[in-house]
PDB file of N, CA and C in Angstrom:
ATOM      1  N   MET A   1       1.332  63.244   9.762  1.00  0.00           N
ATOM      2  CA  MET A   1       2.658  62.830  11.283  1.00  0.00           C
ATOM      3  C   MET A   1       3.411  63.763  11.725  1.00  0.00           C
ATOM      4  N   SER A   2       3.884  64.198  12.604  1.00  0.00           N
ATOM      5  CA  SER A   2       3.952  65.258  13.387  1.00  0.00           C
ATOM      6  C   SER A   2       6.169  65.348  13.470  1.00  0.00           C
ATOM      7  N   GLU A   3       6.417  66.606  13.078  1.00  0.00           N
ATOM      8  CA  GLU A   3       7.696  66.180  12.740  1.00  0.00           C
ATOM      9  C   GLU A   3       8.544  65.437  13.775  1.00  0.00           C
ATOM     10  N   GLY A   4       8.582  65.561  15.170  1.00  0.00           N
ATOM     11  CA  GLY A   4       8.864  64.713  16.319  1.00  0.00           C
ATOM     12  C   GLY A   4       8.765  63.151  15.912  1.00  0.00           C
ATOM     13  N   LEU A   5       7.993  62.796  15.233  1.00  0.00           N
ATOM     14  CA  LEU A   5       7.574  61.507  15.378  1.00  0.00           C
ATOM     15  C   LEU A   5       8.159  61.363  13.395  1.00  0.00           C
ATOM     16  N   MET A   6       8.325  61.970  13.222  1.00  0.00           N
ATOM     17  CA  MET A   6       8.991  61.663  11.701  1.00  0.00           C
ATOM     18  C   MET A   6      10.579  61.767  12.208  1.00  0.00           C
ATOM     19  N   LYS A   7      11.109  62.514  12.787  1.00  0.00           N
ATOM     20  CA  LYS A   7      12.451  62.294  13.263  1.00  0.00           C
ATOM     21  C   LYS A   7      12.796  60.883  14.370  1.00  0.00           C
ATOM     22  N   MET A   8      11.887  60.585  14.653  1.00  0.00           N
ATOM     23  CA  MET A   8      12.076  59.164  15.657  1.00  0.00           C
ATOM     24  C   MET A   8      12.124  58.283  14.540  1.00  0.00           C
ATOM     25  N   TRP A   9      11.247  58.119  13.521  1.00  0.00           N
ATOM     26  CA  TRP A   9      11.247  57.051  12.449  1.00  0.00           C
ATOM     27  C   TRP A   9      13.048  57.214  12.050  1.00  0.00           C
ATOM     28  N   VAL A  10      13.174  58.497  11.233  1.00  0.00           N
ATOM     29  CA  VAL A  10      14.355  58.610  10.584  1.00  0.00           C
ATOM     30  C   VAL A  10      15.596  57.687  11.604  1.00  0.00           C
ATOM     31  N   ALA A  11      15.466  58.345  13.016  1.00  0.00           N
ATOM     32  CA  ALA A  11      16.710  57.822  13.881  1.00  0.00           C
ATOM     33  C   ALA A  11      16.416  56.287  13.986  1.00  0.00           C
ATOM     34  N   LEU A  12      15.471  55.694  14.249  1.00  0.00           N
ATOM     35  CA  LEU A  12      15.452  54.621  14.386  1.00  0.00           C
ATOM     36  C   LEU A  12      16.148  53.463  13.118  1.00  0.00           C
ATOM     37  N   SER A  13      14.973  54.116  12.099  1.00  0.00           N
ATOM     38  CA  SER A  13      15.918  53.597  10.646  1.00  0.00           C
ATOM     39  C   SER A  13      17.327  53.832  10.700  1.00  0.00           C
ATOM     40  N   ALA A  14      18.138  55.028  10.988  1.00  0.00           N
ATOM     41  CA  ALA A  14      19.107  54.637  11.305  1.00  0.00           C
ATOM     42  C   ALA A  14      20.077  54.075  12.169  1.00  0.00           C
ATOM     43  N   ILE A  15      19.720  53.721  13.204  1.00  0.00           N
ATOM     44  CA  ILE A  15      19.824  52.616  14.144  1.00  0.00           C
ATOM     45  C   ILE A  15      19.882  51.270  13.834  1.00  0.00           C
ATOM     46  N   GLY A  16      18.764  51.100  13.223  1.00  0.00           N
ATOM     47  CA  GLY A  16      18.604  49.507  12.279  1.00  0.00           C
ATOM     48  C   GLY A  16      19.516  49.354  11.197  1.00  0.00           C
ATOM     49  N   LEU A  17      19.938  50.601  10.083  1.00  0.00           N
ATOM     50  CA  LEU A  17      21.023  50.450   9.499  1.00  0.00           C
ATOM     51  C   LEU A  17      22.500  49.948  10.223  1.00  0.00           C
ATOM     52  N   MET A  18      22.583  51.327  10.978  1.00  0.00           N
ATOM     53  CA  MET A  18      23.769  50.476  11.995  1.00  0.00           C
ATOM     54  C   MET A  18      23.937  48.795  12.291  1.00  0.00           C
ATOM     55  N   PHE A  19      23.027  48.098  13.000  1.00  0.00           N
ATOM     56  CA  PHE A  19      22.821  46.832  13.023  1.00  0.00           C
ATOM     57  C   PHE A  19      23.215  46.105  11.873  1.00  0.00           C
ATOM     58  N   ILE A  20      22.049  46.504  10.696  1.00  0.00           N
ATOM     59  CA  ILE A  20      22.539  45.633   9.511  1.00  0.00           C
ATOM     60  C   ILE A  20      23.996  45.839   9.302  1.00  0.00           C
ATOM     61  N   ALA A  21      24.810  46.797   9.284  1.00  0.00           N
ATOM     62  CA  ALA A  21      26.168  47.156   9.010  1.00  0.00           C
ATOM     63  C   ALA A  21      27.263  46.222   9.822  1.00  0.00           C
ATOM     64  N   VAL A  22      26.843  45.912  11.270  1.00  0.00           N
ATOM     65  CA  VAL A  22      27.437  45.651  12.094  1.00  0.00           C
ATOM     66  C   VAL A  22      27.216  43.834  11.789  1.00  0.00           C
ATOM     67  N   PHE A  23      26.147  43.454  11.560  1.00  0.00           N
ATOM     68  CA  PHE A  23      25.952  41.918  11.262  1.00  0.00           C
ATOM     69  C   PHE A  23      26.576  41.654   9.865  1.00  0.00           C
ATOM     70  N   SER A  24      26.222  42.513   9.219  1.00  0.00           N
ATOM     71  CA  SER A  24      26.864  42.536   7.714  1.00  0.00           C
ATOM     72  C   SER A  24      28.626  41.951   7.897  1.00  0.00           C
ATOM     73  N   ILE A  25      28.972  43.222   8.505  1.00  0.00           N
ATOM     74  CA  ILE A  25      30.994  42.971   8.928  1.00  0.00           C
ATOM     75  C   ILE A  25      31.174  41.436   9.019  1.00  0.00           C
ATOM     76  N   MET A  26      30.574  41.298  10.323  1.00  0.00           N
ATOM     77  CA  MET A  26      30.522  40.245  11.183  1.00  0.00           C
ATOM     78  C   MET A  26      30.511  38.946  10.340  1.00  0.00           C
ATOM     79  N   LEU A  27      29.496  38.816   9.321  1.00  0.00           N
ATOM     80  CA  LEU A  27      29.681  37.764   8.683  1.00  0.00           C
ATOM     81  C   LEU A  27      30.456  37.836   7.555  1.00  0.00           C
ATOM     82  N   SER A  28      31.220  38.530   6.846  1.00  0.00           N
ATOM     83  CA  SER A  28      31.828  38.740   6.092  1.00  0.00           C
ATOM     84  C   SER A  28      33.180  38.441   6.425  1.00  0.00           C
ATOM     85  N   ARG A  29      33.635  38.825   7.442  1.00  0.00           N
ATOM     86  CA  ARG A  29      34.959  38.437   8.361  1.00  0.00           C
ATOM     87  C   ARG A  29      35.039  36.784   8.713  1.00  0.00           C
ATOM     88  N   SER A  30      34.014  36.542   9.149  1.00  0.00           N
ATOM     89  CA  SER A  30      33.658  35.185   9.733  1.00  0.00           C
ATOM     90  C   SER A  30      33.728  33.861   8.323  1.00  0.00           C
ATOM     91  N   LYS A  31      32.572  34.389   7.878  1.00  0.00           N
ATOM     92  CA  LYS A  31      32.271  33.394   6.671  1.00  0.00           C
ATOM     93  C   LYS A  31      32.365  33.522   5.518  1.00  0.00           C
ATOM     94  N   LEU A  32      32.955  34.641   5.140  1.00  0.00           N
ATOM     95  CA  LEU A  32      32.753  34.908   3.436  1.00  0.00           C
ATOM     96  C   LEU A  32      34.034  34.576   2.969  1.00  0.00           C
ATOM     97  N   SER A  33      34.249  35.243   1.906  1.00  0.00           N
ATOM     98  CA  SER A  33      35.991  34.815   1.238  1.00  0.00           C
ATOM     99  C   SER A  33      35.754  35.510   0.361  1.00  0.00           C
ATOM    100  N   GLY A  34      37.117  36.143  -0.202  1.00  0.00           N
ATOM    101  CA  GLY A  34      36.579  36.443  -2.008  1.00  0.00           C
ATOM    102  C   GLY A  34      35.987  37.430  -2.097  1.00  0.00           C
ATOM    103  N   ILE A  35      35.358  37.657  -3.503  1.00  0.00           N
ATOM    104  CA  ILE A  35      34.435  38.449  -4.233  1.00  0.00           C
ATOM    105  C   ILE A  35      33.207  38.932  -3.215  1.00  0.00           C
ATOM    106  N   PHE A  36      32.868  38.037  -2.325  1.00  0.00           N
ATOM    107  CA  PHE A  36      31.235  37.765  -1.870  1.00  0.00           C
ATOM    108  C   PHE A  36      31.596  38.877  -0.264  1.00  0.00           C
ATOM    109  N   GLN A  37      32.697  38.636   0.272  1.00  0.00           N
ATOM    110  CA  GLN A  37      33.641  39.109   1.494  1.00  0.00           C
ATOM    111  C   GLN A  37      33.460  40.753   0.728  1.00  0.00           C
ATOM    112  N   VAL A  38      34.176  41.064  -0.360  1.00  0.00           N
ATOM    113  CA  VAL A  38      34.438  42.181  -0.771  1.00  0.00           C
ATOM    114  C   VAL A  38      32.787  43.225  -1.072  1.00  0.00           C
ATOM    115  N   ILE A  39      31.915  42.614  -1.571  1.00  0.00           N
ATOM    116  CA  ILE A  39      30.871  42.868  -1.827  1.00  0.00           C
ATOM    117  C   ILE A  39      29.605  43.168  -0.584  1.00  0.00           C
ATOM    118  N   VAL A  40      29.904  42.557   0.353  1.00  0.00           N
ATOM    119  CA  VAL A  40      29.083  42.319   1.784  1.00  0.00           C
ATOM    120  C   VAL A  40      29.783  43.536   2.545  1.00  0.00           C
ATOM    121  N   SER A  41      30.857  43.473   2.770  1.00  0.00           N
ATOM    122  CA  SER A  41      31.936  44.784   3.103  1.00  0.00           C
ATOM    123  C   SER A  41      31.670  45.605   2.760  1.00  0.00           C
ATOM    124  N   LEU A  42      31.316  45.914   1.220  1.00  0.00           N
ATOM    125  CA  LEU A  42      30.828  47.296   0.967  1.00  0.00           C
ATOM    126  C   LEU A  42      29.411  48.153   1.315  1.00  0.00           C
ATOM    127  N   PHE A  43      28.624  46.814   1.197  1.00  0.00           N
ATOM    128  CA  PHE A  43      27.088  46.632   1.549  1.00  0.00           C
ATOM    129  C   PHE A  43      27.283  47.491   2.957  1.00  0.00           C
ATOM    130  N   ALA A  44      27.982  47.135   3.837  1.00  0.00           N
ATOM    131  CA  ALA A  44      28.044  47.176   5.334  1.00  0.00           C
ATOM    132  C   ALA A  44      28.232  48.830   5.192  1.00  0.00           C
ATOM    133  N   TRP A  45      29.748  49.061   4.603  1.00  0.00           N
ATOM    134  CA  TRP A  45      29.932  50.256   4.859  1.00  0.00           C
ATOM    135  C   TRP A  45      28.971  51.561   3.932  1.00  0.00           C
ATOM    136  N   ILE A  46      28.521  50.948   3.503  1.00  0.00           N
ATOM    137  CA  ILE A  46      27.420  51.972   2.689  1.00  0.00           C
ATOM    138  C   ILE A  46      26.237  52.342   3.733  1.00  0.00           C
ATOM    139  N   CYS A  47      25.729  51.052   4.161  1.00  0.00           N
ATOM    140  CA  CYS A  47      24.712  51.013   5.730  1.00  0.00           C
ATOM    141  C   CYS A  47      24.958  52.023   6.430  1.00  0.00           C
ATOM    142  N   MET A  48      26.804  52.060   6.974  1.00  0.00           N
ATOM    143  CA  MET A  48      27.201  53.068   7.967  1.00  0.00           C
ATOM    144  C   MET A  48      27.494  54.345   7.714  1.00  0.00           C
ATOM    145  N   ILE A  49      27.573  54.517   6.450  1.00  0.00           N
ATOM    146  CA  ILE A  49      27.816  56.187   5.936  1.00  0.00           C
ATOM    147  C   ILE A  49      26.208  56.397   6.170  1.00  0.00           C
ATOM    148  N   VAL A  50      25.388  55.710   4.994  1.00  0.00           N
ATOM    149  CA  VAL A  50      24.048  56.632   5.092  1.00  0.00           C
ATOM    150  C   VAL A  50      23.467  56.673   6.783  1.00  0.00           C
ATOM    151  N   ALA A  51      23.967  55.929   7.630  1.00  0.00           N
ATOM    152  CA  ALA A  51      22.896  55.659   8.803  1.00  0.00           C
ATOM    153  C   ALA A  51      23.663  56.719   9.526  1.00  0.00           C
ATOM    154  N   GLY A  52      24.853  57.212   9.320  1.00  0.00           N
ATOM    155  CA  GLY A  52      26.055  58.478   9.871  1.00  0.00           C
ATOM    156  C   GLY A  52      25.420  59.629   9.597  1.00  0.00           C
ATOM    157  N   ILE A  53      24.831  59.538   8.128  1.00  0.00           N
ATOM    158  CA  ILE A  53      24.295  60.766   7.570  1.00  0.00           C
ATOM    159  C   ILE A  53      22.756  61.332   8.147  1.00  0.00           C
ATOM    160  N   LEU A  54      22.116  60.366   8.496  1.00  0.00           N
ATOM    161  CA  LEU A  54      20.553  60.356   8.696  1.00  0.00           C
ATOM    162  C   LEU A  54      20.802  60.701  10.517  1.00  0.00           C
ATOM    163  N   ILE A  55      21.256  60.288  11.407  1.00  0.00           N
ATOM    164  CA  ILE A  55      21.771  60.727  12.395  1.00  0.00           C
ATOM    165  C   ILE A  55      22.246  61.876  12.474  1.00  0.00           C
ATOM    166  N   LEU A  56      23.134  62.934  11.514  1.00  0.00           N
ATOM    167  CA  LEU A  56      23.707  63.792  11.654  1.00  0.00           C
ATOM    168  C   LEU A  56      22.605  64.819  11.267  1.00  0.00           C
ATOM    169  N   ILE A  57      21.299  64.563  10.301  1.00  0.00           N
ATOM    170  CA  ILE A  57      20.545  65.495   9.901  1.00  0.00           C
ATOM    171  C   ILE A  57      19.953  65.271  11.144  1.00  0.00           C
ATOM    172  N   VAL A  58      19.104  64.435  11.943  1.00  0.00           N
ATOM    173  CA  VAL A  58      18.641  64.105  12.900  1.00  0.00           C
ATOM    174  C   VAL A  58      18.977  65.178  14.359  1.00  0.00           C
ATOM    175  N   VAL A  59      20.520  64.990  14.325  1.00  0.00           N
ATOM    176  CA  VAL A  59      21.067  65.926  15.554  1.00  0.00           C
ATOM    177  C   VAL A  59      20.945  67.185  15.187  1.00  0.00           C
ATOM    178  N   PHE A  60      21.515  67.602  14.256  1.00  0.00           N
ATOM    179  CA  PHE A  60      21.418  69.146  14.021  1.00  0.00           C
ATOM    180  C   PHE A  60      20.399  69.797  13.410  1.00  0.00           C
ATOM    181  N   SER A  61      18.922  69.280  13.506  1.00  0.00           N
ATOM    182  CA  SER A  61      18.206  69.825  12.764  1.00  0.00           C
ATOM    183  C   SER A  61      17.454  71.088  13.990  1.00  0.00           C
ATOM    184  N   GLY A  62      18.097  69.743  15.171  1.00  0.00           N
ATOM    185  CA  GLY A  62      17.475  71.092  16.570  1.00  0.00           C
ATOM    186  C   GLY A  62      16.377  70.279  17.057  1.00  0.00           C
ATOM    187  N   PRO A  63      15.793  71.208  18.071  1.00  0.00           N
ATOM    188  CA  PRO A  63      14.650  70.596  18.508  1.00  0.00           C
ATOM    189  C   PRO A  63      13.266  70.959  18.162  1.00  0.00           C
ATOM    190  N   VAL A  64      12.337  69.720  18.420  1.00  0.00           N
ATOM    191  CA  VAL A  64      10.945  70.439  17.598  1.00  0.00           C
ATOM    192  C   VAL A  64      10.364  71.436  18.427  1.00  0.00           C
ATOM    193  N   LYS A  65       9.376  72.080  17.885  1.00  0.00           N
ATOM    194  CA  LYS A  65       8.339  73.014  18.731  1.00  0.00           C
ATOM    195  C   LYS A  65       7.514  72.376  18.851  1.00  0.00           C
ATOM    196  N   GLY A  66       6.794  72.467  20.192  1.00  0.00           N
ATOM    197  CA  GLY A  66       6.033  71.856  20.771  1.00  0.00           C
ATOM    198  C   GLY A  66       4.453  72.549  20.358  1.00  0.00           C
TER     199      GLY A  66
END
């Protein structure tokens, strides 16, 4: 697998993690309460932090050589 294709999959997985985080926060704020709300919110924050780190890696690794 080429380096460019690998970067694409990493970026796509980061975007997927961001969507999971958004829907988790929406679920925890509207439907859940108590300890379940805290657990789902913590999961969402972890997903968002991991996604941010992955995007930073992709962006700062520079362009792919042809």
